[in-house]
Amino acid sequence: MASKKALPRRLLFTAGAILLTALACFFFLPGLNTASRTTHIIVHRGKDFKSIIDELYHNGSIKSTWPVEVTCRILPNLQHIKPGRYTIPPEMSNFWFMYYLHTHKQDEVRVTIPEGLPLRHIARLLSKKLDMDSTEFMAAASDSRLLARHNIPAKNAEGYLLPGTYNFLWASSPEEAATFLIGRFRHFYTDKLKNTAASEGLTETTLLTLASIVEAETPLDQEKPLVASVYLNRLKKNIRLQADPTVQYALGGTARRLYYKDLAADSPYNTYRHNGLPPGPICNPGSASILAVLNPANTNYLYFVATGKGGHNFAESLAEHHENIKKYRTARRNTLQ
């Protein structure tokens, strides 16, 4: 009798062992449902789990969708797959396949944002490097709530996106990218620099506006304190800045050679028509230009013109400036010959 009672137990134990073995194979047997080669998938923001699984099937990463769907029904947290670009190793089990997608770090992209780019050009650059549209970044950098959070008293973040080389998550949202770049400026603009600006009567907006003009005028860091001194001297004497880059900004579009008719453009950014600084920055200045405005050269210069060989000649008087213009024209003619 004892042996007859033990038989169902043994059968139950055997059935349980078979079931556990089958489940273990289903979850952990390598290559049961996955490709024998390395595969790739791009997961964009907002893509739902079902769409991701369907794409994994269509690109050959998995042989069938139902095993991974069952795996994620039993372990629902594995359904959460972050946006990003994934390189999937071959011969993975159902569990490790989904665990890999769920836990894999988002890939980063190293992006260099050059000094002096306006907001629209930064948007275009980021849209080429990251998973975002340029118009989405422009909208994020102009969002009133984002600007308020970062104490930016302007219609957009022009001037506050500190240039540099940074690592971005490829799947960064436009809001995240804009916040990061503004944060780089906030980190750079220390209390010491704020106190220096305040002692010179410069608000954050006027500092960045003037620095953006300096940035647009010269790429040479050693010249920037001289250029800053010219504009600060003109502001003190209530002389119009007459800065060509402000006209370029007013005209919009691609930068080109300016003509005399352009100097009459009806815009508050046209410093040939309006006294003082324009309403806001015309580009995003680098740290050297910002520091040049805070620590300008001690000069009486009121004018400068290109040398035609790189750099600029500076002058205190209009007569000296006209001589420098003649030198520029001569250098230009010699270059064209």
Protein backbone atom coordinates (compact mmCIF):
# COMPACT_ATOMS: atom_id res chain seq x y z
CA MET A 1 0.00 0.00 0.00
CA ALA A 2 2.84 2.40 0.86
CA SER A 3 4.36 2.00 -2.57
CA LYS A 4 0.98 2.71 -4.24
CA LYS A 5 0.60 5.96 -2.24
CA ALA A 6 4.11 7.03 -3.08
CA LEU A 7 3.54 6.60 -6.83
CA PRO A 8 1.32 9.71 -7.28
CA ARG A 9 3.82 11.72 -5.28
CA ARG A 10 6.65 10.58 -7.48
CA LEU A 11 4.60 11.36 -10.58
CA LEU A 12 3.73 14.79 -9.19
CA PHE A 13 7.39 15.42 -8.33
CA THR A 14 8.47 14.26 -11.77
CA ALA A 15 5.85 16.44 -13.48
CA GLY A 16 6.95 19.40 -11.38
CA ALA A 17 10.57 18.79 -12.22
CA ILE A 18 9.74 18.56 -15.92
CA LEU A 19 7.73 21.78 -15.71
CA LEU A 20 10.53 23.62 -13.89
CA THR A 21 13.06 22.34 -16.42
CA ALA A 22 10.82 23.47 -19.28
CA LEU A 23 10.40 26.92 -17.70
CA ALA A 24 14.13 27.16 -17.08
CA CYS A 25 14.79 26.29 -20.72
CA PHE A 26 12.12 28.76 -21.84
CA PHE A 27 13.68 31.58 -19.82
CA PHE A 28 17.38 30.77 -19.90
CA LEU A 29 18.24 28.51 -22.86
CA PRO A 30 20.55 30.53 -25.17
CA GLY A 31 19.43 31.00 -28.76
CA LEU A 32 16.00 29.44 -28.27
CA ASN A 33 14.23 32.46 -29.75
CA THR A 34 17.01 34.88 -30.63
CA ALA A 35 19.25 35.46 -33.63
CA SER A 36 22.56 33.67 -34.11
CA ARG A 37 24.12 36.97 -35.24
CA THR A 38 24.50 40.43 -33.77
CA THR A 39 21.46 42.63 -34.52
CA HIS A 40 20.56 46.28 -34.01
CA ILE A 41 17.50 48.31 -33.12
CA ILE A 42 16.77 52.00 -32.65
CA VAL A 43 14.16 52.85 -30.04
CA HIS A 44 12.77 56.36 -30.43
CA ARG A 45 11.09 58.29 -27.63
CA GLY A 46 7.41 57.45 -27.27
CA LYS A 47 7.64 54.02 -28.89
CA ASP A 48 5.45 51.49 -27.09
CA PHE A 49 6.46 47.98 -26.04
CA LYS A 50 4.39 46.19 -28.70
CA SER A 51 5.94 48.27 -31.49
CA ILE A 52 9.43 47.54 -30.20
CA ILE A 53 8.77 43.78 -30.06
CA ASP A 54 7.27 43.81 -33.57
CA GLU A 55 10.35 45.58 -34.90
CA LEU A 56 12.63 43.09 -33.14
CA TYR A 57 10.78 40.32 -34.95
CA HIS A 58 10.88 42.02 -38.35
CA ASN A 59 14.60 42.79 -38.13
CA GLY A 60 15.42 39.21 -37.19
CA SER A 61 16.46 39.80 -33.58
CA ILE A 62 13.84 37.28 -32.40
CA LYS A 63 12.18 34.36 -34.18
CA SER A 64 8.78 34.90 -32.61
CA THR A 65 7.17 37.62 -30.51
CA TRP A 66 5.15 35.48 -28.10
CA PRO A 67 8.10 34.11 -26.01
CA VAL A 68 9.31 37.59 -25.10
CA GLU A 69 5.73 38.76 -24.56
CA VAL A 70 5.17 35.86 -22.15
CA THR A 71 8.49 36.60 -20.43
CA CYS A 72 7.42 40.20 -19.90
CA ARG A 73 3.97 39.24 -18.68
CA ILE A 74 5.61 37.16 -15.96
CA LEU A 75 8.24 39.87 -15.30
CA PRO A 76 6.41 43.09 -16.29
CA ASN A 77 9.25 45.46 -15.36
CA LEU A 78 11.21 44.15 -18.34
CA GLN A 79 8.72 45.91 -20.63
CA HIS A 80 10.31 49.25 -19.82
CA ILE A 81 12.89 49.84 -22.56
CA LYS A 82 14.59 53.23 -22.68
CA PRO A 83 14.98 55.12 -25.95
CA GLY A 84 18.35 54.57 -27.55
CA ARG A 85 20.40 52.66 -30.09
CA TYR A 86 21.01 49.02 -29.20
CA THR A 87 23.52 46.48 -30.49
CA ILE A 88 22.14 43.11 -29.44
CA PRO A 89 24.54 40.17 -28.89
CA PRO A 90 23.64 36.83 -30.54
CA GLU A 91 22.32 33.66 -28.92
CA MET A 92 20.67 35.24 -25.90
CA SER A 93 17.97 33.56 -23.84
CA ASN A 94 14.49 35.07 -23.63
CA PHE A 95 15.14 36.42 -20.14
CA TRP A 96 18.63 37.82 -20.80
CA PHE A 97 17.46 39.29 -24.10
CA MET A 98 14.78 41.38 -22.39
CA TYR A 99 16.94 42.06 -19.34
CA TYR A 100 19.66 43.39 -21.66
CA LEU A 101 17.23 45.78 -23.37
CA HIS A 102 15.73 46.84 -20.04
CA THR A 103 19.01 47.56 -18.24
CA HIS A 104 21.37 48.56 -21.06
CA LYS A 105 22.85 52.04 -20.67
CA GLN A 106 21.77 54.65 -23.18
CA ASP A 107 24.54 55.40 -25.62
CA GLU A 108 26.22 58.78 -25.56
CA VAL A 109 27.27 61.04 -28.41
CA ARG A 110 30.13 63.53 -28.12
CA VAL A 111 29.03 66.85 -29.58
CA THR A 112 31.14 69.98 -30.08
CA ILE A 113 29.19 73.23 -30.10
CA PRO A 114 31.46 75.95 -31.52
CA GLU A 115 31.56 79.44 -30.03
CA GLY A 116 29.32 81.99 -31.67
CA LEU A 117 26.56 79.79 -33.05
CA PRO A 118 23.06 81.28 -32.85
CA LEU A 119 20.26 79.26 -31.34
CA ARG A 120 18.88 78.06 -34.68
CA HIS A 121 22.29 76.68 -35.72
CA ILE A 122 22.72 74.84 -32.42
CA ALA A 123 19.28 73.33 -32.96
CA ARG A 124 20.32 72.17 -36.42
CA LEU A 125 23.60 70.71 -35.10
CA LEU A 126 21.91 68.77 -32.30
CA SER A 127 19.23 67.43 -34.66
CA LYS A 128 22.01 65.87 -36.78
CA LYS A 129 23.72 64.28 -33.80
CA LEU A 130 20.84 63.35 -31.48
CA ASP A 131 17.35 61.85 -31.76
CA MET A 132 15.52 65.16 -31.96
CA ASP A 133 14.13 67.59 -34.48
CA SER A 134 15.57 71.11 -34.73
CA THR A 135 12.14 72.70 -34.42
CA GLU A 136 11.53 70.73 -31.21
CA PHE A 137 14.76 72.07 -29.73
CA MET A 138 13.87 75.62 -30.78
CA ALA A 139 10.49 75.21 -29.09
CA ALA A 140 12.08 73.85 -25.91
CA ALA A 141 14.63 76.68 -25.78
CA SER A 142 11.76 79.17 -26.15
CA ASP A 143 9.38 77.57 -23.65
CA SER A 144 8.34 80.14 -21.06
CA ARG A 145 8.25 77.57 -18.24
CA LEU A 146 11.79 76.36 -18.96
CA LEU A 147 13.03 79.97 -19.18
CA ALA A 148 11.34 80.84 -15.88
CA ARG A 149 12.92 77.82 -14.16
CA HIS A 150 16.35 79.08 -15.18
CA ASN A 151 15.66 82.77 -14.49
CA ILE A 152 16.10 83.82 -18.12
CA PRO A 153 14.24 87.10 -18.73
CA ALA A 154 13.98 86.70 -22.50
CA LYS A 155 11.86 85.09 -25.19
CA ASN A 156 14.40 82.30 -25.69
CA ALA A 157 17.71 80.96 -24.38
CA GLU A 158 19.87 82.70 -26.98
CA GLY A 159 23.20 83.51 -25.32
CA TYR A 160 22.71 81.06 -22.44
CA LEU A 161 23.76 77.90 -24.30
CA LEU A 162 27.43 77.72 -23.36
CA PRO A 163 29.57 76.35 -26.23
CA GLY A 164 31.88 73.42 -25.58
CA THR A 165 32.37 69.71 -26.17
CA TYR A 166 29.88 67.60 -24.25
CA ASN A 167 28.57 64.06 -24.01
CA PHE A 168 24.82 63.89 -24.67
CA LEU A 169 22.59 60.87 -24.42
CA TRP A 170 21.60 60.10 -28.00
CA ALA A 171 17.97 59.92 -26.90
CA SER A 172 18.07 63.21 -24.96
CA SER A 173 14.84 65.14 -25.22
CA PRO A 174 15.04 68.73 -26.50
CA GLU A 175 14.17 69.95 -22.98
CA GLU A 176 17.00 67.88 -21.48
CA ALA A 177 19.54 69.16 -24.02
CA ALA A 178 18.52 72.81 -23.55
CA THR A 179 18.54 72.45 -19.76
CA PHE A 180 22.00 70.85 -19.87
CA LEU A 181 23.51 73.68 -21.95
CA ILE A 182 21.92 76.37 -19.78
CA GLY A 183 23.26 74.48 -16.77
CA ARG A 184 26.78 74.66 -18.21
CA PHE A 185 26.47 78.45 -18.35
CA ARG A 186 25.10 78.60 -14.81
CA HIS A 187 28.04 76.49 -13.62
CA PHE A 188 30.53 78.77 -15.41
CA TYR A 189 28.91 82.02 -14.26
CA THR A 190 30.09 81.92 -10.66
CA ASP A 191 29.23 84.35 -7.86
CA LYS A 192 32.63 85.97 -8.37
CA LEU A 193 31.81 86.72 -12.02
CA LYS A 194 28.36 87.96 -11.05
CA ASN A 195 29.92 90.38 -8.58
CA THR A 196 32.37 91.60 -11.22
CA ALA A 197 29.51 92.18 -13.66
CA ALA A 198 27.48 94.03 -11.04
CA SER A 199 30.44 96.27 -10.18
CA GLU A 200 30.67 97.23 -13.86
CA GLY A 201 26.94 97.92 -14.08
CA LEU A 202 26.28 94.89 -16.27
CA THR A 203 23.21 92.74 -15.89
CA GLU A 204 23.29 89.14 -17.01
CA THR A 205 21.46 90.09 -20.21
CA THR A 206 23.70 93.04 -21.09
CA LEU A 207 26.81 90.99 -20.33
CA LEU A 208 25.76 88.16 -22.64
CA THR A 209 24.55 90.58 -25.31
CA LEU A 210 27.86 92.40 -25.44
CA ALA A 211 29.83 89.13 -25.20
CA SER A 212 27.85 87.76 -28.14
CA ILE A 213 28.85 90.77 -30.27
CA VAL A 214 32.50 90.35 -29.27
CA GLU A 215 32.24 86.65 -30.14
CA ALA A 216 30.80 87.43 -33.55
CA GLU A 217 33.46 90.03 -34.31
CA THR A 218 36.61 87.97 -33.74
CA PRO A 219 37.59 84.33 -33.29
CA LEU A 220 40.93 85.36 -31.77
CA ASP A 221 40.86 85.11 -27.99
CA GLN A 222 43.78 87.54 -27.60
CA GLU A 223 41.78 90.21 -29.47
CA LYS A 224 38.56 89.87 -27.55
CA PRO A 225 39.51 92.18 -24.63
CA LEU A 226 40.43 94.87 -27.22
CA VAL A 227 37.13 94.46 -29.09
CA ALA A 228 35.25 94.54 -25.78
CA SER A 229 37.04 97.78 -24.85
CA VAL A 230 35.94 99.42 -28.12
CA TYR A 231 32.26 98.69 -27.51
CA LEU A 232 32.39 99.60 -23.84
CA ASN A 233 34.08 102.89 -24.74
CA ARG A 234 31.42 103.64 -27.34
CA LEU A 235 28.64 102.85 -24.87
CA LYS A 236 30.18 105.23 -22.31
CA LYS A 237 30.38 108.01 -24.91
CA ASN A 238 26.86 107.25 -26.18
CA ILE A 239 28.20 106.45 -29.65
CA ARG A 240 26.25 103.88 -31.65
CA LEU A 241 27.96 100.51 -31.67
CA GLN A 242 27.63 100.08 -35.46
CA ALA A 243 28.42 96.38 -35.14
CA ASP A 244 28.00 94.49 -38.41
CA PRO A 245 27.07 91.17 -36.71
CA THR A 246 23.97 92.80 -35.21
CA VAL A 247 22.83 93.70 -38.72
CA GLN A 248 23.46 90.12 -39.86
CA TYR A 249 21.30 88.93 -36.98
CA ALA A 250 18.57 91.43 -37.85
CA LEU A 251 18.53 90.28 -41.48
CA GLY A 252 18.40 86.58 -40.53
CA GLY A 253 19.22 83.82 -42.97
CA THR A 254 22.73 82.82 -43.98
CA ALA A 255 25.57 85.19 -43.16
CA ARG A 256 26.75 87.14 -46.20
CA ARG A 257 28.62 90.26 -47.17
CA LEU A 258 26.74 93.35 -46.03
CA TYR A 259 25.87 96.27 -48.29
CA TYR A 260 25.17 99.88 -47.33
CA LYS A 261 21.45 99.33 -47.89
CA ASP A 262 21.52 96.56 -45.26
CA LEU A 263 22.61 99.07 -42.63
CA ALA A 264 19.16 100.66 -42.87
CA ALA A 265 17.36 97.46 -41.82
CA ASP A 266 14.46 98.30 -39.55
CA SER A 267 15.20 96.20 -36.48
CA PRO A 268 15.95 96.91 -32.81
CA TYR A 269 18.99 94.65 -33.35
CA ASN A 270 20.45 97.04 -35.94
CA THR A 271 23.06 98.99 -33.97
CA TYR A 272 23.61 101.31 -36.94
CA ARG A 273 20.11 102.69 -36.39
CA HIS A 274 19.69 102.38 -32.64
CA ASN A 275 21.80 103.54 -29.72
CA GLY A 276 23.04 101.17 -27.06
CA LEU A 277 22.92 97.41 -27.01
CA PRO A 278 20.39 95.34 -28.96
CA PRO A 279 17.54 93.71 -26.98
CA GLY A 280 19.46 90.48 -26.37
CA PRO A 281 22.35 88.25 -27.44
CA ILE A 282 22.87 87.61 -31.15
CA CYS A 283 24.63 84.26 -30.64
CA ASN A 284 25.94 82.05 -27.88
CA PRO A 285 29.31 83.38 -26.70
CA GLY A 286 32.08 81.24 -25.31
CA SER A 287 33.76 81.75 -21.96
CA ALA A 288 36.63 83.81 -23.47
CA SER A 289 34.22 86.42 -24.85
CA ILE A 290 32.30 86.65 -21.59
CA LEU A 291 35.52 87.09 -19.63
CA ALA A 292 36.73 89.69 -22.14
CA VAL A 293 33.69 91.86 -21.39
CA LEU A 294 34.26 91.46 -17.65
CA ASN A 295 37.99 92.18 -18.01
CA PRO A 296 38.38 94.42 -21.07
CA ALA A 297 41.67 95.92 -22.18
CA ASN A 298 42.34 99.42 -20.85
CA THR A 299 42.22 101.45 -24.08
CA ASN A 300 40.75 104.57 -25.65
CA TYR A 301 39.93 102.73 -28.86
CA LEU A 302 36.63 103.58 -30.55
CA TYR A 303 37.13 101.86 -33.91
CA PHE A 304 38.52 98.71 -35.44
CA VAL A 305 38.69 97.19 -38.90
CA ALA A 306 40.00 93.91 -40.29
CA THR A 307 43.63 93.80 -41.32
CA GLY A 308 42.85 91.59 -44.30
CA LYS A 309 45.42 89.13 -42.99
CA GLY A 310 43.55 87.91 -39.93
CA GLY A 311 42.89 90.05 -36.90
CA HIS A 312 42.06 93.74 -36.66
CA ASN A 313 43.65 97.17 -36.49
CA PHE A 314 42.35 99.42 -33.71
CA ALA A 315 42.10 103.21 -33.61
CA GLU A 316 41.24 106.01 -31.19
CA SER A 317 40.36 108.63 -33.82
CA LEU A 318 38.28 108.59 -36.98
CA ALA A 319 41.28 109.78 -39.01
CA GLU A 320 43.37 106.85 -37.79
CA HIS A 321 40.46 104.52 -38.49
CA HIS A 322 40.26 105.74 -42.10
CA GLU A 323 43.98 105.00 -42.49
CA ASN A 324 43.35 101.48 -41.21
CA ILE A 325 40.54 101.07 -43.72
CA LYS A 326 42.98 102.03 -46.52
CA LYS A 327 45.41 99.40 -45.21
CA TYR A 328 42.64 96.82 -45.26
CA ARG A 329 41.66 97.64 -48.84
CA THR A 330 45.29 97.45 -49.96
CA ALA A 331 45.75 94.08 -48.26
CA ARG A 332 42.54 92.82 -49.86
CA ARG A 333 43.62 93.94 -53.33
CA ASN A 334 46.99 92.24 -52.90
CA THR A 335 45.26 89.04 -51.82
CA LEU A 336 43.01 89.05 -54.91
CA GLN A 337 45.92 89.61 -57.32
